[in-house]
Amino acid sequence: NEIRNATNSYMKQLKTGFSDAEMETWSRQENGVKLLIKNIDSQEYDAIWVKSLAAARGISLEEQMQRISYASNLMNEYAYRLVGYQQRLEDMINAASTVEEVMEISFNISSN
């Protein structure tokens, strides 16, 4: 499916600059921040992970939590817009009644 391939390609572009190891820990980082917001003294694994990350990076826990939250919110915003756009195009294709209508549909994320 061309639309899904375009979505995947665009998401890859958004992730440029992040290592695979870093991306694999995003959910752990997000969860750790949530745990620490509830209880800054949390000893749950993901909370400890975020604390260790801040220490290894040499920044305060608060700054690390802010950076994780900012990056997470930004990436989630891009993702929901992109997936929503993909699904809108797929709905348009499913609703099309002619080949010509389908051919007029194109992936152009810059216009959204």
Protein backbone atom coordinates (compact mmCIF):
# COMPACT_ATOMS: atom_id res chain seq x y z
CA ASN A 1 0.00 0.00 0.00
CA GLU A 2 1.58 3.25 -1.16
CA ILE A 3 -0.04 5.33 1.56
CA ARG A 4 1.26 3.13 4.36
CA ASN A 5 4.71 3.08 2.77
CA ALA A 6 4.68 6.88 2.65
CA THR A 7 3.60 7.00 6.30
CA ASN A 8 6.41 4.64 7.28
CA SER A 9 8.92 6.66 5.28
CA TYR A 10 7.84 9.92 6.89
CA MET A 11 8.04 8.41 10.40
CA LYS A 12 11.57 7.18 9.64
CA GLN A 13 12.52 10.72 8.68
CA LEU A 14 11.13 12.02 11.98
CA LYS A 15 13.24 9.50 13.89
CA THR A 16 16.47 10.43 12.15
CA GLY A 17 19.05 11.39 14.74
CA PHE A 18 17.89 8.90 17.34
CA SER A 19 19.68 5.62 17.90
CA ASP A 20 17.74 2.36 17.83
CA ALA A 21 18.69 1.82 21.48
CA GLU A 22 17.25 5.21 22.41
CA MET A 23 14.00 4.63 20.51
CA GLU A 24 13.59 1.21 22.12
CA THR A 25 13.53 2.91 25.55
CA TRP A 26 10.97 5.61 24.76
CA SER A 27 8.05 3.78 26.37
CA ARG A 28 10.20 3.04 29.43
CA GLN A 29 11.18 6.71 29.65
CA GLU A 30 7.58 7.89 29.29
CA ASN A 31 6.36 5.45 31.91
CA GLY A 32 9.21 6.39 34.26
CA VAL A 33 8.25 10.06 34.06
CA LYS A 34 4.61 9.22 34.81
CA LEU A 35 5.68 7.21 37.84
CA LEU A 36 7.95 9.98 39.09
CA ILE A 37 5.23 12.60 38.68
CA LYS A 38 3.02 10.49 40.94
CA ASN A 39 5.84 9.78 43.40
CA ILE A 40 9.28 11.34 42.98
CA ASP A 41 10.68 8.66 45.32
CA SER A 42 9.28 5.80 43.24
CA GLN A 43 11.43 2.70 43.24
CA GLU A 44 9.69 1.07 40.30
CA TYR A 45 12.02 -0.06 37.53
CA ASP A 46 11.12 2.57 34.93
CA ALA A 47 11.37 5.38 37.48
CA ILE A 48 14.80 4.17 38.54
CA TRP A 49 15.73 3.95 34.87
CA VAL A 50 14.91 7.64 34.33
CA LYS A 51 16.83 8.60 37.49
CA SER A 52 19.83 6.62 36.25
CA LEU A 53 19.56 8.19 32.82
CA ALA A 54 19.67 11.68 34.33
CA ALA A 55 22.66 10.77 36.49
CA ALA A 56 24.54 9.25 33.55
CA ARG A 57 23.78 12.32 31.48
CA GLY A 58 24.88 14.64 34.27
CA ILE A 59 21.66 16.65 34.49
CA SER A 60 19.01 17.04 37.16
CA LEU A 61 16.15 14.59 37.36
CA GLU A 62 13.72 17.47 36.77
CA GLU A 63 15.50 18.49 33.57
CA GLN A 64 15.59 14.89 32.34
CA MET A 65 11.88 14.51 33.01
CA GLN A 66 11.15 17.75 31.13
CA ARG A 67 13.23 16.64 28.15
CA ILE A 68 11.52 13.26 28.00
CA SER A 69 8.07 14.86 28.27
CA TYR A 70 8.84 17.43 25.59
CA ALA A 71 10.21 14.85 23.14
CA SER A 72 7.37 12.44 23.84
CA ASN A 73 4.69 15.08 23.33
CA LEU A 74 6.30 16.30 20.12
CA MET A 75 6.68 12.82 18.63
CA ASN A 76 3.15 11.86 19.66
CA GLU A 77 1.77 14.99 18.00
CA TYR A 78 3.55 14.15 14.75
CA ALA A 79 2.41 10.53 14.98
CA TYR A 80 -1.27 11.25 15.56
CA ARG A 81 -1.34 13.77 12.73
CA LEU A 82 0.44 11.39 10.39
CA VAL A 83 -1.67 8.35 11.26
CA GLY A 84 -4.86 10.40 11.08
CA TYR A 85 -3.85 11.67 7.64
CA GLN A 86 -3.05 8.13 6.50
CA GLN A 87 -6.44 6.90 7.69
CA ARG A 88 -8.24 9.81 6.00
CA LEU A 89 -6.61 8.93 2.67
CA GLU A 90 -7.50 5.26 3.13
CA ASP A 91 -11.11 6.27 3.84
CA MET A 92 -11.11 8.36 0.67
CA ILE A 93 -9.82 5.40 -1.33
CA ASN A 94 -12.46 3.12 0.15
CA ALA A 95 -15.19 5.65 -0.67
CA ALA A 96 -14.00 6.20 -4.25
CA SER A 97 -16.25 4.75 -6.91
CA THR A 98 -13.96 5.14 -9.92
CA VAL A 99 -10.33 4.53 -10.73
CA GLU A 100 -10.00 8.21 -11.60
CA GLU A 101 -11.10 9.20 -8.08
CA VAL A 102 -8.49 6.89 -6.60
CA MET A 103 -5.78 8.25 -8.92
CA GLU A 104 -6.48 11.81 -7.71
CA ILE A 105 -5.63 10.83 -4.12
CA SER A 106 -2.02 11.45 -3.20
CA PHE A 107 0.08 11.54 -0.05
CA ASN A 108 1.10 15.14 0.56
CA ILE A 109 1.66 15.65 4.26
CA SER A 110 2.99 19.20 3.79
CA SER A 111 -0.51 20.43 2.96
CA ASN A 112 -1.90 19.17 6.29
